[in-house]
N, C-alpha and C. Protein backbone atom coordinates (compact mmCIF):
# COMPACT_ATOMS: atom_id res chain seq x y z
N MET A 1 0.82 -1.19 0.00
CA MET A 1 0.00 0.00 0.00
C MET A 1 0.87 1.26 0.00
N ARG A 2 1.88 1.24 0.83
CA ARG A 2 2.76 2.40 0.94
C ARG A 2 3.54 2.61 -0.36
N ARG A 3 3.91 1.52 -0.97
CA ARG A 3 4.66 1.60 -2.23
C ARG A 3 3.79 2.22 -3.33
N LYS A 4 2.52 1.87 -3.38
CA LYS A 4 1.60 2.45 -4.36
C LYS A 4 1.40 3.94 -4.12
N LEU A 5 1.32 4.32 -2.86
CA LEU A 5 1.15 5.74 -2.52
C LEU A 5 2.38 6.55 -2.94
N ILE A 6 3.54 6.01 -2.72
CA ILE A 6 4.78 6.70 -3.12
C ILE A 6 4.86 6.78 -4.64
N ALA A 7 4.49 5.72 -5.33
CA ALA A 7 4.50 5.73 -6.79
C ALA A 7 3.50 6.75 -7.33
N LEU A 8 2.33 6.81 -6.73
CA LEU A 8 1.32 7.78 -7.16
C LEU A 8 1.80 9.21 -6.91
N ALA A 9 2.41 9.47 -5.78
CA ALA A 9 2.95 10.80 -5.48
C ALA A 9 4.06 11.16 -6.46
N GLY A 10 4.91 10.22 -6.78
CA GLY A 10 5.97 10.47 -7.76
C GLY A 10 5.41 10.75 -9.14
N PHE A 11 4.40 10.02 -9.53
CA PHE A 11 3.76 10.24 -10.83
C PHE A 11 3.12 11.62 -10.88
N ALA A 12 2.39 11.98 -9.82
CA ALA A 12 1.73 13.29 -9.77
C ALA A 12 2.76 14.41 -9.80
N THR A 13 3.85 14.25 -9.09
CA THR A 13 4.91 15.25 -9.10
C THR A 13 5.51 15.39 -10.50
N GLY A 14 5.71 14.29 -11.17
CA GLY A 14 6.25 14.32 -12.54
C GLY A 14 5.31 15.00 -13.50
N VAL A 15 4.03 14.72 -13.38
CA VAL A 15 3.04 15.37 -14.25
C VAL A 15 3.02 16.86 -14.00
N PHE A 16 3.04 17.26 -12.74
CA PHE A 16 3.05 18.68 -12.39
C PHE A 16 4.29 19.36 -12.94
N ALA A 17 5.46 18.75 -12.75
CA ALA A 17 6.70 19.35 -13.24
C ALA A 17 6.70 19.45 -14.76
N GLY A 18 6.23 18.41 -15.43
CA GLY A 18 6.17 18.45 -16.89
C GLY A 18 5.24 19.52 -17.40
N THR A 19 4.08 19.66 -16.77
CA THR A 19 3.13 20.70 -17.15
C THR A 19 3.73 22.07 -16.93
N PHE A 20 4.38 22.27 -15.81
CA PHE A 20 5.01 23.55 -15.51
C PHE A 20 6.07 23.91 -16.54
N LEU A 21 6.93 22.96 -16.87
CA LEU A 21 8.00 23.23 -17.84
C LEU A 21 7.44 23.48 -19.24
N TYR A 22 6.41 22.74 -19.62
CA TYR A 22 5.80 22.95 -20.93
C TYR A 22 5.18 24.33 -21.02
N ARG A 23 4.42 24.73 -20.00
CA ARG A 23 3.79 26.04 -20.02
C ARG A 23 4.81 27.16 -19.99
N ARG A 24 5.90 26.94 -19.28
CA ARG A 24 6.95 27.97 -19.20
C ARG A 24 7.64 28.15 -20.55
N SER A 25 7.92 27.05 -21.23
CA SER A 25 8.62 27.15 -22.52
C SER A 25 7.72 27.69 -23.61
N SER A 26 6.44 27.39 -23.54
CA SER A 26 5.52 27.88 -24.57
C SER A 26 4.87 29.19 -24.16
N GLY A 27 5.25 29.72 -23.03
CA GLY A 27 4.63 30.93 -22.51
C GLY A 27 5.18 32.22 -23.08
N ARG A 28 6.15 32.13 -23.94
CA ARG A 28 6.67 33.35 -24.54
C ARG A 28 5.58 34.02 -25.34
N ARG A 29 5.39 35.26 -25.05
CA ARG A 29 4.31 35.99 -25.69
C ARG A 29 4.75 36.46 -27.06
N ARG A 30 4.09 35.94 -28.07
CA ARG A 30 4.32 36.37 -29.44
C ARG A 30 2.99 36.85 -29.98
N ASP A 31 2.95 38.11 -30.31
CA ASP A 31 1.72 38.65 -30.87
C ASP A 31 1.51 38.11 -32.27
N ARG A 32 0.25 37.99 -32.63
CA ARG A 32 -0.07 37.56 -33.98
C ARG A 32 -1.42 38.15 -34.36
N ILE A 33 -1.64 38.23 -35.64
CA ILE A 33 -2.89 38.72 -36.19
C ILE A 33 -3.55 37.55 -36.91
N ASP A 34 -4.79 37.26 -36.56
CA ASP A 34 -5.58 36.25 -37.26
C ASP A 34 -6.62 36.98 -38.09
N VAL A 35 -6.59 36.77 -39.38
CA VAL A 35 -7.54 37.40 -40.29
C VAL A 35 -8.49 36.32 -40.79
N TYR A 36 -9.76 36.51 -40.50
CA TYR A 36 -10.80 35.55 -40.90
C TYR A 36 -11.56 36.09 -42.10
N PHE A 37 -11.84 35.22 -43.04
CA PHE A 37 -12.55 35.60 -44.26
C PHE A 37 -13.95 35.01 -44.25
N ALA A 38 -14.83 35.58 -45.08
CA ALA A 38 -16.23 35.17 -45.12
C ALA A 38 -16.40 33.71 -45.54
N ASP A 39 -15.47 33.17 -46.31
CA ASP A 39 -15.60 31.78 -46.75
C ASP A 39 -15.14 30.78 -45.69
N GLY A 40 -14.73 31.29 -44.53
CA GLY A 40 -14.32 30.42 -43.43
C GLY A 40 -12.83 30.19 -43.33
N SER A 41 -12.07 30.71 -44.28
CA SER A 41 -10.63 30.53 -44.22
C SER A 41 -10.01 31.56 -43.28
N MET A 42 -8.77 31.32 -42.88
CA MET A 42 -8.07 32.18 -41.95
C MET A 42 -6.60 32.23 -42.30
N VAL A 43 -5.99 33.39 -42.06
CA VAL A 43 -4.55 33.56 -42.24
C VAL A 43 -4.00 34.17 -40.96
N SER A 44 -2.88 33.64 -40.45
CA SER A 44 -2.22 34.19 -39.27
C SER A 44 -0.93 34.86 -39.69
N PHE A 45 -0.71 36.04 -39.17
CA PHE A 45 0.54 36.77 -39.37
C PHE A 45 1.21 36.90 -38.02
N VAL A 46 2.43 36.34 -37.87
CA VAL A 46 3.14 36.39 -36.60
C VAL A 46 3.96 37.66 -36.50
N ASP A 47 4.24 38.05 -35.27
CA ASP A 47 5.04 39.23 -35.00
C ASP A 47 6.39 39.09 -35.71
N GLY A 48 6.76 40.10 -36.45
CA GLY A 48 8.00 40.09 -37.21
C GLY A 48 7.79 39.98 -38.70
N SER A 49 6.61 39.52 -39.12
CA SER A 49 6.35 39.46 -40.56
C SER A 49 5.96 40.85 -41.05
N PRO A 50 6.19 41.14 -42.32
CA PRO A 50 5.86 42.48 -42.85
C PRO A 50 4.38 42.83 -42.71
N GLU A 51 3.51 41.86 -42.88
CA GLU A 51 2.08 42.13 -42.75
C GLU A 51 1.72 42.49 -41.32
N ALA A 52 2.29 41.75 -40.37
CA ALA A 52 1.99 42.00 -38.96
C ALA A 52 2.56 43.33 -38.51
N GLU A 53 3.69 43.73 -39.05
CA GLU A 53 4.28 45.02 -38.67
C GLU A 53 3.35 46.17 -39.01
N ARG A 54 2.58 46.02 -40.06
CA ARG A 54 1.62 47.07 -40.44
C ARG A 54 0.34 46.97 -39.62
N LEU A 55 -0.11 45.76 -39.32
CA LEU A 55 -1.40 45.58 -38.67
C LEU A 55 -1.36 45.60 -37.14
N LEU A 56 -0.26 45.19 -36.53
CA LEU A 56 -0.20 45.11 -35.08
C LEU A 56 -0.42 46.45 -34.37
N PRO A 57 0.17 47.55 -34.81
CA PRO A 57 -0.11 48.82 -34.12
C PRO A 57 -1.59 49.19 -34.15
N VAL A 58 -2.25 48.94 -35.27
CA VAL A 58 -3.68 49.25 -35.38
C VAL A 58 -4.48 48.33 -34.45
N ALA A 59 -4.12 47.07 -34.40
CA ALA A 59 -4.82 46.12 -33.52
C ALA A 59 -4.61 46.47 -32.06
N ARG A 60 -3.41 46.89 -31.69
CA ARG A 60 -3.15 47.29 -30.30
C ARG A 60 -3.97 48.50 -29.91
N GLN A 61 -4.10 49.45 -30.83
CA GLN A 61 -4.92 50.63 -30.56
C GLN A 61 -6.39 50.24 -30.39
N ALA A 62 -6.87 49.35 -31.23
CA ALA A 62 -8.26 48.91 -31.14
C ALA A 62 -8.52 48.18 -29.82
N LEU A 63 -7.58 47.33 -29.41
CA LEU A 63 -7.75 46.63 -28.13
C LEU A 63 -7.70 47.59 -26.94
N ALA A 64 -6.81 48.57 -27.02
CA ALA A 64 -6.72 49.56 -25.92
C ALA A 64 -8.02 50.37 -25.83
N ALA A 65 -8.58 50.72 -26.96
CA ALA A 65 -9.84 51.49 -26.96
C ALA A 65 -10.99 50.62 -26.43
N ALA A 66 -10.98 49.34 -26.74
CA ALA A 66 -12.06 48.45 -26.29
C ALA A 66 -11.97 48.21 -24.77
N ARG A 67 -10.79 48.28 -24.21
CA ARG A 67 -10.61 48.02 -22.78
C ARG A 67 -10.97 49.22 -21.92
N ARG A 68 -11.13 50.37 -22.50
CA ARG A 68 -11.45 51.58 -21.73
C ARG A 68 -12.88 51.61 -21.33
C-alpha cells in the first residue's frame, strides 16, 4: 500500500513538473494577427512578418480602446 502511494505521489509530481515546464517554454508571448474571411478561411501573421508590422499597431490601438 505504501509503495503504491509513493508511486502515485511520484507520478503526480512528474506530471506537475512536466506541465510547468511545458507552459513555461511555450509561454513566450508572441503577438499575432488572425484574419478571418467570409468563406471560413483564416490567415495568421506572426510578429516580425511584414504584414503583422503594419497591422499590429492598429490592432493594439483597437484593443486599448475596447478596454477603456
